[in-house]
Amino acid sequence: EALKQVAKNVKRRGACSHPDGSAMFLESTIKAFTDDLAAHVLGNGCGRPVEGVLPLFEDGKLPSGIPGGGEPEDNGGGSRQKIYVDWTLCRGHGLCADILPEVFELGADGFPTVAQAKVPRFAEAKALRAVRRCPALALRLEEDTRSQAPAKNLPVLSQGRGRRALGR
């Protein structure tokens, strides 16, 4: 009943059709899977094996007491990854700041305030999730190779793309 009430309250609340579509999806799920949802709510589950729980990150710390949890690994302290925002694609949905608040903060215009940032080691999985869930495909995650020694006998390309990066 609580989910039905939330879906009802969300309908006709947005300037686009996303809130309505999400509410209708939730309502149809409740209608189609009433018995399954009731079994889960009552703690019986569906009988399928549980692989683990979804990690919930609080204050940048990995959860403890579950597989893959515990204290964040330091491994030298520095970050291995950098995340980039492609401003030509970004539409200001704000999911990046929702998923990865350690890196992204939204400005008054609703867009991220940084174009590139190092990703803390404990948040690398969240950064990958942010890249995958960006509706505009405006995020890119790359290994930060500046701290590593360059390979010998290989040409060094600029950070640009395409022909410009190859000097053509």
N, C-alpha and C. Protein backbone atom coordinates (compact mmCIF):
# COMPACT_ATOMS: atom_id res chain seq x y z
N GLU A 1 0.82 -1.21 0.00
CA GLU A 1 0.00 0.00 0.00
C GLU A 1 0.86 1.26 0.00
N ALA A 2 1.97 1.21 0.72
CA ALA A 2 2.86 2.37 0.75
C ALA A 2 3.44 2.65 -0.63
N LEU A 3 3.81 1.60 -1.36
CA LEU A 3 4.34 1.79 -2.71
C LEU A 3 3.28 2.35 -3.65
N LYS A 4 2.06 1.88 -3.51
CA LYS A 4 0.98 2.40 -4.34
C LYS A 4 0.77 3.89 -4.07
N GLN A 5 0.87 4.28 -2.81
CA GLN A 5 0.68 5.69 -2.44
C GLN A 5 1.81 6.55 -3.03
N VAL A 6 3.04 6.04 -2.97
CA VAL A 6 4.18 6.78 -3.54
C VAL A 6 3.99 6.95 -5.04
N ALA A 7 3.59 5.87 -5.73
CA ALA A 7 3.37 5.95 -7.18
C ALA A 7 2.28 6.96 -7.50
N LYS A 8 1.22 6.97 -6.71
CA LYS A 8 0.12 7.91 -6.94
C LYS A 8 0.60 9.36 -6.76
N ASN A 9 1.44 9.58 -5.75
CA ASN A 9 1.93 10.94 -5.47
C ASN A 9 2.92 11.44 -6.53
N VAL A 10 3.59 10.53 -7.22
CA VAL A 10 4.59 10.91 -8.22
C VAL A 10 3.95 11.29 -9.55
N LYS A 11 2.84 10.70 -9.86
CA LYS A 11 2.20 10.94 -11.16
C LYS A 11 1.87 12.42 -11.36
N ARG A 12 2.08 12.88 -12.60
CA ARG A 12 1.80 14.26 -13.02
C ARG A 12 2.59 15.30 -12.21
N ARG A 13 3.79 14.91 -11.74
CA ARG A 13 4.60 15.83 -10.95
C ARG A 13 5.78 16.42 -11.72
N GLY A 14 6.08 15.87 -12.88
CA GLY A 14 7.26 16.34 -13.61
C GLY A 14 6.91 17.05 -14.89
N ALA A 15 7.88 17.77 -15.41
CA ALA A 15 7.70 18.47 -16.69
C ALA A 15 7.80 17.48 -17.85
N CYS A 16 8.40 16.31 -17.60
CA CYS A 16 8.51 15.29 -18.64
C CYS A 16 7.70 14.07 -18.23
N SER A 17 7.79 13.01 -19.00
CA SER A 17 6.98 11.82 -18.72
C SER A 17 7.70 10.80 -17.84
N HIS A 18 8.92 11.09 -17.39
CA HIS A 18 9.66 10.13 -16.58
C HIS A 18 8.96 9.79 -15.26
N PRO A 19 8.47 10.76 -14.49
CA PRO A 19 7.78 10.38 -13.24
C PRO A 19 6.55 9.51 -13.50
N ASP A 20 5.77 9.84 -14.52
CA ASP A 20 4.58 9.03 -14.83
C ASP A 20 4.97 7.63 -15.25
N GLY A 21 5.98 7.52 -16.10
CA GLY A 21 6.43 6.20 -16.56
C GLY A 21 6.96 5.36 -15.41
N SER A 22 7.72 5.97 -14.51
CA SER A 22 8.24 5.24 -13.35
C SER A 22 7.11 4.79 -12.44
N ALA A 23 6.15 5.65 -12.22
CA ALA A 23 5.00 5.30 -11.37
C ALA A 23 4.19 4.17 -11.99
N MET A 24 3.97 4.23 -13.30
CA MET A 24 3.20 3.17 -13.96
C MET A 24 3.96 1.84 -13.94
N PHE A 25 5.30 1.90 -14.07
CA PHE A 25 6.11 0.69 -13.98
C PHE A 25 5.97 0.07 -12.59
N LEU A 26 6.05 0.89 -11.57
CA LEU A 26 5.92 0.40 -10.19
C LEU A 26 4.53 -0.20 -9.96
N GLU A 27 3.49 0.48 -10.44
CA GLU A 27 2.13 -0.03 -10.27
C GLU A 27 1.93 -1.36 -10.99
N SER A 28 2.46 -1.48 -12.20
CA SER A 28 2.29 -2.74 -12.94
C SER A 28 3.09 -3.86 -12.29
N THR A 29 4.25 -3.54 -11.72
CA THR A 29 5.05 -4.54 -11.01
C THR A 29 4.29 -5.04 -9.79
N ILE A 30 3.69 -4.13 -9.05
CA ILE A 30 2.91 -4.52 -7.86
C ILE A 30 1.75 -5.42 -8.26
N LYS A 31 1.08 -5.06 -9.35
CA LYS A 31 -0.08 -5.83 -9.80
C LYS A 31 0.35 -7.22 -10.29
N ALA A 32 1.43 -7.30 -11.06
CA ALA A 32 1.85 -8.56 -11.67
C ALA A 32 2.53 -9.50 -10.67
N PHE A 33 3.20 -8.94 -9.67
CA PHE A 33 3.98 -9.78 -8.75
C PHE A 33 3.53 -9.61 -7.30
N THR A 34 2.26 -9.47 -7.07
CA THR A 34 1.74 -9.24 -5.73
C THR A 34 2.17 -10.34 -4.77
N ASP A 35 2.01 -11.59 -5.15
CA ASP A 35 2.35 -12.70 -4.26
C ASP A 35 3.85 -12.75 -3.97
N ASP A 36 4.67 -12.54 -5.00
CA ASP A 36 6.12 -12.56 -4.80
C ASP A 36 6.57 -11.44 -3.88
N LEU A 37 6.03 -10.25 -4.09
CA LEU A 37 6.38 -9.12 -3.23
C LEU A 37 5.95 -9.38 -1.79
N ALA A 38 4.77 -9.93 -1.61
CA ALA A 38 4.29 -10.24 -0.26
C ALA A 38 5.20 -11.26 0.41
N ALA A 39 5.66 -12.27 -0.33
CA ALA A 39 6.56 -13.28 0.24
C ALA A 39 7.86 -12.64 0.70
N HIS A 40 8.40 -11.71 -0.08
CA HIS A 40 9.63 -11.03 0.30
C HIS A 40 9.42 -10.12 1.50
N VAL A 41 8.33 -9.39 1.51
CA VAL A 41 8.05 -8.49 2.62
C VAL A 41 7.90 -9.26 3.93
N LEU A 42 7.27 -10.44 3.86
CA LEU A 42 7.06 -11.25 5.05
C LEU A 42 8.31 -12.04 5.44
N GLY A 43 9.39 -11.91 4.65
CA GLY A 43 10.65 -12.53 5.01
C GLY A 43 10.84 -13.94 4.49
N ASN A 44 9.91 -14.46 3.71
CA ASN A 44 10.04 -15.82 3.21
C ASN A 44 10.90 -15.88 1.95
N GLY A 45 10.97 -14.82 1.22
CA GLY A 45 11.74 -14.81 -0.02
C GLY A 45 11.08 -15.63 -1.10
N CYS A 46 11.77 -15.77 -2.21
CA CYS A 46 11.21 -16.50 -3.36
C CYS A 46 11.80 -17.89 -3.48
N GLY A 47 12.69 -18.25 -2.59
CA GLY A 47 13.29 -19.58 -2.64
C GLY A 47 14.59 -19.64 -3.42
N ARG A 48 14.96 -18.57 -4.09
CA ARG A 48 16.22 -18.54 -4.83
C ARG A 48 17.35 -18.23 -3.86
N PRO A 49 18.57 -18.75 -4.13
CA PRO A 49 19.70 -18.49 -3.23
C PRO A 49 20.07 -17.01 -3.23
N VAL A 50 20.47 -16.52 -2.08
CA VAL A 50 20.88 -15.13 -1.93
C VAL A 50 22.39 -15.05 -2.12
N GLU A 51 22.82 -14.22 -3.05
CA GLU A 51 24.24 -14.07 -3.36
C GLU A 51 24.95 -13.13 -2.39
N GLY A 52 24.23 -12.33 -1.69
CA GLY A 52 24.79 -11.33 -0.80
C GLY A 52 23.85 -10.15 -0.77
N VAL A 53 24.23 -9.11 -0.09
CA VAL A 53 23.40 -7.92 -0.03
C VAL A 53 24.05 -6.82 -0.83
N LEU A 54 23.24 -5.91 -1.30
CA LEU A 54 23.79 -4.77 -2.02
C LEU A 54 24.52 -3.88 -1.03
N PRO A 55 25.73 -3.44 -1.36
CA PRO A 55 26.46 -2.58 -0.42
C PRO A 55 25.86 -1.18 -0.38
N LEU A 56 25.74 -0.66 0.81
CA LEU A 56 25.29 0.71 1.00
C LEU A 56 26.46 1.48 1.58
N PHE A 57 26.87 2.52 0.89
CA PHE A 57 28.04 3.28 1.31
C PHE A 57 27.59 4.47 2.15
N GLU A 58 28.17 4.57 3.31
CA GLU A 58 27.90 5.72 4.17
C GLU A 58 29.23 6.36 4.53
N ASP A 59 29.31 7.64 4.40
CA ASP A 59 30.51 8.41 4.72
C ASP A 59 31.74 7.88 4.00
N GLY A 60 31.54 7.32 2.79
CA GLY A 60 32.67 6.86 2.01
C GLY A 60 33.29 5.57 2.49
N LYS A 61 32.65 4.85 3.41
CA LYS A 61 33.21 3.61 3.95
C LYS A 61 32.43 2.43 3.40
N LEU A 62 33.17 1.38 3.05
CA LEU A 62 32.54 0.16 2.60
C LEU A 62 31.85 -0.52 3.78
N PRO A 63 30.74 -1.20 3.55
CA PRO A 63 30.06 -1.88 4.64
C PRO A 63 30.90 -3.02 5.18
N SER A 64 30.78 -3.30 6.45
CA SER A 64 31.52 -4.42 7.02
C SER A 64 30.57 -5.55 7.33
N GLY A 65 31.11 -6.77 7.48
CA GLY A 65 30.29 -7.91 7.83
C GLY A 65 29.68 -8.64 6.66
N ILE A 66 30.00 -8.23 5.42
CA ILE A 66 29.49 -8.93 4.24
C ILE A 66 30.65 -9.17 3.30
N PRO A 67 30.54 -10.15 2.41
CA PRO A 67 31.63 -10.39 1.46
C PRO A 67 31.92 -9.16 0.63
N GLY A 68 33.19 -8.82 0.51
CA GLY A 68 33.59 -7.65 -0.27
C GLY A 68 33.55 -6.36 0.53
N GLY A 69 33.12 -6.44 1.77
CA GLY A 69 33.04 -5.25 2.61
C GLY A 69 34.30 -5.05 3.40
N GLY A 70 34.19 -4.33 4.49
CA GLY A 70 35.34 -4.08 5.35
C GLY A 70 35.88 -2.69 5.11
N GLU A 71 37.11 -2.50 5.53
CA GLU A 71 37.75 -1.19 5.37
C GLU A 71 38.22 -1.02 3.94
N PRO A 72 38.17 0.20 3.40
CA PRO A 72 38.65 0.41 2.04
C PRO A 72 40.14 0.13 1.93
N GLU A 73 40.52 -0.48 0.81
CA GLU A 73 41.93 -0.77 0.59
C GLU A 73 42.67 0.51 0.24
N ASP A 74 43.87 0.63 0.77
CA ASP A 74 44.65 1.82 0.51
C ASP A 74 45.56 1.61 -0.70
N ASN A 75 46.33 0.52 -0.68
CA ASN A 75 47.23 0.19 -1.79
C ASN A 75 48.02 1.40 -2.29
N GLY A 76 48.68 2.10 -1.41
CA GLY A 76 49.50 3.22 -1.83
C GLY A 76 48.79 4.55 -1.73
N GLY A 77 47.51 4.56 -1.44
CA GLY A 77 46.80 5.79 -1.18
C GLY A 77 46.22 6.48 -2.38
N GLY A 78 46.94 6.55 -3.50
CA GLY A 78 46.47 7.33 -4.62
C GLY A 78 45.37 6.66 -5.42
N SER A 79 44.70 7.45 -6.19
CA SER A 79 43.63 6.94 -7.03
C SER A 79 44.22 6.36 -8.30
N ARG A 80 43.55 5.35 -8.85
CA ARG A 80 43.99 4.77 -10.11
C ARG A 80 43.14 5.25 -11.26
N GLN A 81 42.01 5.87 -10.98
CA GLN A 81 41.07 6.23 -12.05
C GLN A 81 40.72 7.71 -12.01
N LYS A 82 40.36 8.19 -13.19
CA LYS A 82 39.87 9.56 -13.35
C LYS A 82 38.55 9.50 -14.09
N ILE A 83 37.63 10.37 -13.71
CA ILE A 83 36.34 10.42 -14.38
C ILE A 83 36.22 11.76 -15.09
N TYR A 84 35.69 11.73 -16.30
CA TYR A 84 35.58 12.93 -17.13
C TYR A 84 34.12 13.16 -17.51
N VAL A 85 33.74 14.42 -17.60
CA VAL A 85 32.40 14.81 -18.05
C VAL A 85 32.54 15.40 -19.46
N ASP A 86 31.79 14.85 -20.40
CA ASP A 86 31.75 15.40 -21.76
C ASP A 86 30.62 16.44 -21.79
N TRP A 87 30.99 17.72 -21.77
CA TRP A 87 29.99 18.79 -21.69
C TRP A 87 29.09 18.85 -22.92
N THR A 88 29.56 18.34 -24.05
CA THR A 88 28.73 18.37 -25.25
C THR A 88 27.56 17.38 -25.15
N LEU A 89 27.68 16.38 -24.27
CA LEU A 89 26.63 15.38 -24.11
C LEU A 89 25.80 15.58 -22.84
N CYS A 90 26.39 16.16 -21.81
CA CYS A 90 25.72 16.29 -20.51
C CYS A 90 24.44 17.11 -20.63
N ARG A 91 23.36 16.60 -20.04
CA ARG A 91 22.06 17.27 -20.06
C ARG A 91 21.59 17.67 -18.66
N GLY A 92 22.44 17.48 -17.66
CA GLY A 92 22.11 17.93 -16.31
C GLY A 92 21.09 17.06 -15.59
N HIS A 93 21.09 15.76 -15.85
CA HIS A 93 20.16 14.87 -15.15
C HIS A 93 20.50 14.76 -13.66
N GLY A 94 21.78 14.87 -13.30
CA GLY A 94 22.19 14.86 -11.90
C GLY A 94 22.42 13.48 -11.31
N LEU A 95 22.30 12.42 -12.09
CA LEU A 95 22.53 11.08 -11.55
C LEU A 95 23.96 10.90 -11.07
N CYS A 96 24.92 11.54 -11.73
CA CYS A 96 26.32 11.39 -11.34
C CYS A 96 26.53 11.86 -9.90
N ALA A 97 25.93 12.98 -9.54
CA ALA A 97 26.07 13.49 -8.18
C ALA A 97 25.31 12.63 -7.18
N ASP A 98 24.25 12.02 -7.63
CA ASP A 98 23.46 11.13 -6.77
C ASP A 98 24.24 9.86 -6.46
N ILE A 99 24.87 9.29 -7.48
CA ILE A 99 25.58 8.02 -7.34
C ILE A 99 26.97 8.22 -6.76
N LEU A 100 27.65 9.31 -7.13
CA LEU A 100 29.04 9.53 -6.75
C LEU A 100 29.23 10.91 -6.11
N PRO A 101 28.63 11.14 -4.93
CA PRO A 101 28.74 12.45 -4.31
C PRO A 101 30.14 12.80 -3.83
N GLU A 102 31.02 11.78 -3.73
CA GLU A 102 32.41 12.04 -3.33
C GLU A 102 33.15 12.84 -4.39
N VAL A 103 32.67 12.80 -5.62
CA VAL A 103 33.35 13.45 -6.74
C VAL A 103 32.53 14.59 -7.32
N PHE A 104 31.23 14.34 -7.52
CA PHE A 104 30.40 15.33 -8.21
C PHE A 104 29.51 16.12 -7.26
N GLU A 105 29.45 17.39 -7.55
CA GLU A 105 28.52 18.30 -6.89
C GLU A 105 27.86 19.09 -8.01
N LEU A 106 26.56 19.30 -7.88
CA LEU A 106 25.85 20.03 -8.92
C LEU A 106 25.86 21.52 -8.63
N GLY A 107 26.03 22.29 -9.68
CA GLY A 107 25.98 23.73 -9.55
C GLY A 107 24.54 24.23 -9.54
N ALA A 108 24.35 25.51 -9.48
CA ALA A 108 23.01 26.11 -9.45
C ALA A 108 22.22 25.79 -10.72
N ASP A 109 22.95 25.52 -11.81
CA ASP A 109 22.28 25.20 -13.08
C ASP A 109 21.93 23.72 -13.19
N GLY A 110 22.30 22.90 -12.20
CA GLY A 110 21.99 21.48 -12.21
C GLY A 110 23.02 20.62 -12.91
N PHE A 111 24.11 21.22 -13.37
CA PHE A 111 25.17 20.48 -14.03
C PHE A 111 26.33 20.26 -13.06
N PRO A 112 27.14 19.21 -13.29
CA PRO A 112 28.30 18.99 -12.42
C PRO A 112 29.24 20.18 -12.45
N THR A 113 29.90 20.44 -11.33
CA THR A 113 30.79 21.60 -11.23
C THR A 113 32.21 21.27 -11.64
N VAL A 114 32.52 19.99 -11.90
CA VAL A 114 33.86 19.61 -12.33
C VAL A 114 33.78 18.90 -13.68
N ALA A 115 34.82 19.08 -14.48
CA ALA A 115 34.89 18.42 -15.78
C ALA A 115 35.68 17.13 -15.70
N GLN A 116 36.60 17.07 -14.75
CA GLN A 116 37.39 15.85 -14.54
C GLN A 116 37.82 15.81 -13.09
N ALA A 117 37.95 14.60 -12.56
CA ALA A 117 38.34 14.46 -11.16
C ALA A 117 38.91 13.08 -10.91
N LYS A 118 39.81 12.99 -9.94
CA LYS A 118 40.31 11.69 -9.51
C LYS A 118 39.21 11.00 -8.72
N VAL A 119 39.13 9.70 -8.87
CA VAL A 119 38.14 8.90 -8.17
C VAL A 119 38.82 8.25 -6.97
N PRO A 120 38.33 8.48 -5.75
CA PRO A 120 38.91 7.80 -4.59
C PRO A 120 38.80 6.29 -4.78
N ARG A 121 39.78 5.55 -4.28
CA ARG A 121 39.79 4.09 -4.47
C ARG A 121 38.52 3.45 -3.94
N PHE A 122 38.03 3.90 -2.80
CA PHE A 122 36.84 3.27 -2.22
C PHE A 122 35.59 3.51 -3.05
N ALA A 123 35.65 4.47 -3.98
CA ALA A 123 34.47 4.81 -4.77
C ALA A 123 34.59 4.39 -6.23
N GLU A 124 35.56 3.56 -6.56
CA GLU A 124 35.75 3.17 -7.96
C GLU A 124 34.55 2.40 -8.51
N ALA A 125 33.96 1.53 -7.71
CA ALA A 125 32.78 0.79 -8.17
C ALA A 125 31.61 1.74 -8.40
N LYS A 126 31.47 2.75 -7.54
CA LYS A 126 30.40 3.73 -7.71
C LYS A 126 30.64 4.57 -8.96
N ALA A 127 31.90 4.87 -9.25
CA ALA A 127 32.23 5.64 -10.46
C ALA A 127 31.83 4.86 -11.71
N LEU A 128 32.12 3.57 -11.72
CA LEU A 128 31.73 2.73 -12.85
C LEU A 128 30.22 2.69 -12.98
N ARG A 129 29.52 2.62 -11.87
CA ARG A 129 28.05 2.63 -11.89
C ARG A 129 27.54 3.96 -12.44
N ALA A 130 28.17 5.07 -12.06
CA ALA A 130 27.75 6.38 -12.56
C ALA A 130 27.93 6.47 -14.07
N VAL A 131 29.06 5.95 -14.58
CA VAL A 131 29.31 5.96 -16.02
C VAL A 131 28.25 5.14 -16.75
N ARG A 132 27.95 3.97 -16.22
CA ARG A 132 26.99 3.08 -16.88
C ARG A 132 25.56 3.62 -16.82
N ARG A 133 25.24 4.37 -15.78
CA ARG A 133 23.85 4.83 -15.62
C ARG A 133 23.59 6.23 -16.14
N CYS A 134 24.61 6.92 -16.60
CA CYS A 134 24.41 8.28 -17.12
C CYS A 134 23.49 8.20 -18.34
N PRO A 135 22.30 8.81 -18.29
CA PRO A 135 21.36 8.72 -19.41
C PRO A 135 21.87 9.37 -20.69
N ALA A 136 22.75 10.34 -20.56
CA ALA A 136 23.26 11.04 -21.74
C ALA A 136 24.60 10.48 -22.21
N LEU A 137 25.12 9.45 -21.52
CA LEU A 137 26.42 8.85 -21.85
C LEU A 137 27.53 9.91 -21.85
N ALA A 138 27.46 10.82 -20.88
CA ALA A 138 28.38 11.94 -20.84
C ALA A 138 29.59 11.70 -19.93
N LEU A 139 29.65 10.54 -19.27
CA LEU A 139 30.77 10.27 -18.37
C LEU A 139 31.71 9.25 -18.98
N ARG A 140 33.00 9.42 -18.67
CA ARG A 140 34.03 8.50 -19.15
C ARG A 140 34.98 8.24 -18.00
N LEU A 141 35.36 6.98 -17.81
CA LEU A 141 36.27 6.59 -16.74
C LEU A 141 37.54 6.06 -17.37
N GLU A 142 38.70 6.57 -16.94
CA GLU A 142 39.98 6.13 -17.50
C GLU A 142 40.96 5.88 -16.38
N GLU A 143 41.88 4.96 -16.64
CA GLU A 143 42.98 4.73 -15.71
C GLU A 143 43.87 5.97 -15.71
N ASP A 144 44.28 6.41 -14.54
CA ASP A 144 45.18 7.56 -14.44
C ASP A 144 46.60 7.06 -14.59
N THR A 145 47.17 7.26 -15.76
CA THR A 145 48.51 6.74 -16.06
C THR A 145 49.61 7.76 -15.82
N ARG A 146 49.26 8.93 -15.38
CA ARG A 146 50.29 9.97 -15.19
C ARG A 146 51.26 9.61 -14.08
N SER A 147 50.78 8.86 -13.07
CA SER A 147 51.65 8.51 -11.97
C SER A 147 52.56 7.34 -12.33
N GLN A 148 52.25 6.63 -13.41
CA GLN A 148 53.07 5.51 -13.83
C GLN A 148 54.12 5.99 -14.81
N ALA A 149 55.24 5.27 -14.85
CA ALA A 149 56.31 5.63 -15.79
C ALA A 149 55.86 5.29 -17.20
N PRO A 150 56.11 6.16 -18.18
CA PRO A 150 55.71 5.85 -19.55
C PRO A 150 56.51 4.67 -20.09
N ALA A 151 55.88 3.90 -20.96
CA ALA A 151 56.57 2.76 -21.58
C ALA A 151 57.64 3.27 -22.52
N LYS A 152 58.74 2.54 -22.60
CA LYS A 152 59.85 2.95 -23.46
C LYS A 152 59.57 2.56 -24.91
N ASN A 153 60.13 3.33 -25.82
CA ASN A 153 60.06 3.07 -27.26
C ASN A 153 58.64 3.14 -27.82
N LEU A 154 57.74 3.80 -27.16
CA LEU A 154 56.39 3.98 -27.68
C LEU A 154 56.13 5.46 -27.86
N PRO A 155 55.47 5.85 -28.96
CA PRO A 155 55.17 7.27 -29.15
C PRO A 155 54.17 7.74 -28.09
N VAL A 156 54.34 8.97 -27.66
CA VAL A 156 53.43 9.55 -26.68
C VAL A 156 52.41 10.39 -27.43
N LEU A 157 51.14 10.07 -27.26
CA LEU A 157 50.07 10.79 -27.93
C LEU A 157 49.50 11.83 -27.00
N SER A 158 48.99 12.89 -27.57
CA SER A 158 48.35 13.91 -26.76
C SER A 158 47.05 13.36 -26.18
N GLN A 159 46.44 14.08 -25.25
CA GLN A 159 45.20 13.65 -24.61
C GLN A 159 44.00 13.83 -25.53
N GLY A 160 44.18 14.47 -26.69
CA GLY A 160 43.07 14.68 -27.61
C GLY A 160 42.57 13.40 -28.23
N ARG A 161 41.64 13.51 -29.16
CA ARG A 161 41.07 12.33 -29.80
C ARG A 161 41.31 12.38 -31.30
N GLY A 162 41.23 11.23 -31.92
CA GLY A 162 41.22 11.13 -33.38
C GLY A 162 42.49 11.59 -34.04
N ARG A 163 42.34 12.21 -35.20
CA ARG A 163 43.49 12.61 -36.01
C ARG A 163 44.36 13.63 -35.30
N ARG A 164 43.75 14.52 -34.55
CA ARG A 164 44.52 15.54 -33.84
C ARG A 164 45.48 14.88 -32.85
N ALA A 165 45.05 13.81 -32.18
CA ALA A 165 45.88 13.13 -31.22
C ALA A 165 47.07 12.46 -31.90
N LEU A 166 46.89 12.09 -33.17
CA LEU A 166 47.96 11.42 -33.90
C LEU A 166 48.84 12.42 -34.66
N GLY A 167 48.56 13.70 -34.52
CA GLY A 167 49.37 14.73 -35.16
C GLY A 167 49.05 14.93 -36.61
N ARG A 168 47.86 14.52 -37.06
CA ARG A 168 47.47 14.67 -38.48
C ARG A 168 46.49 15.77 -38.67
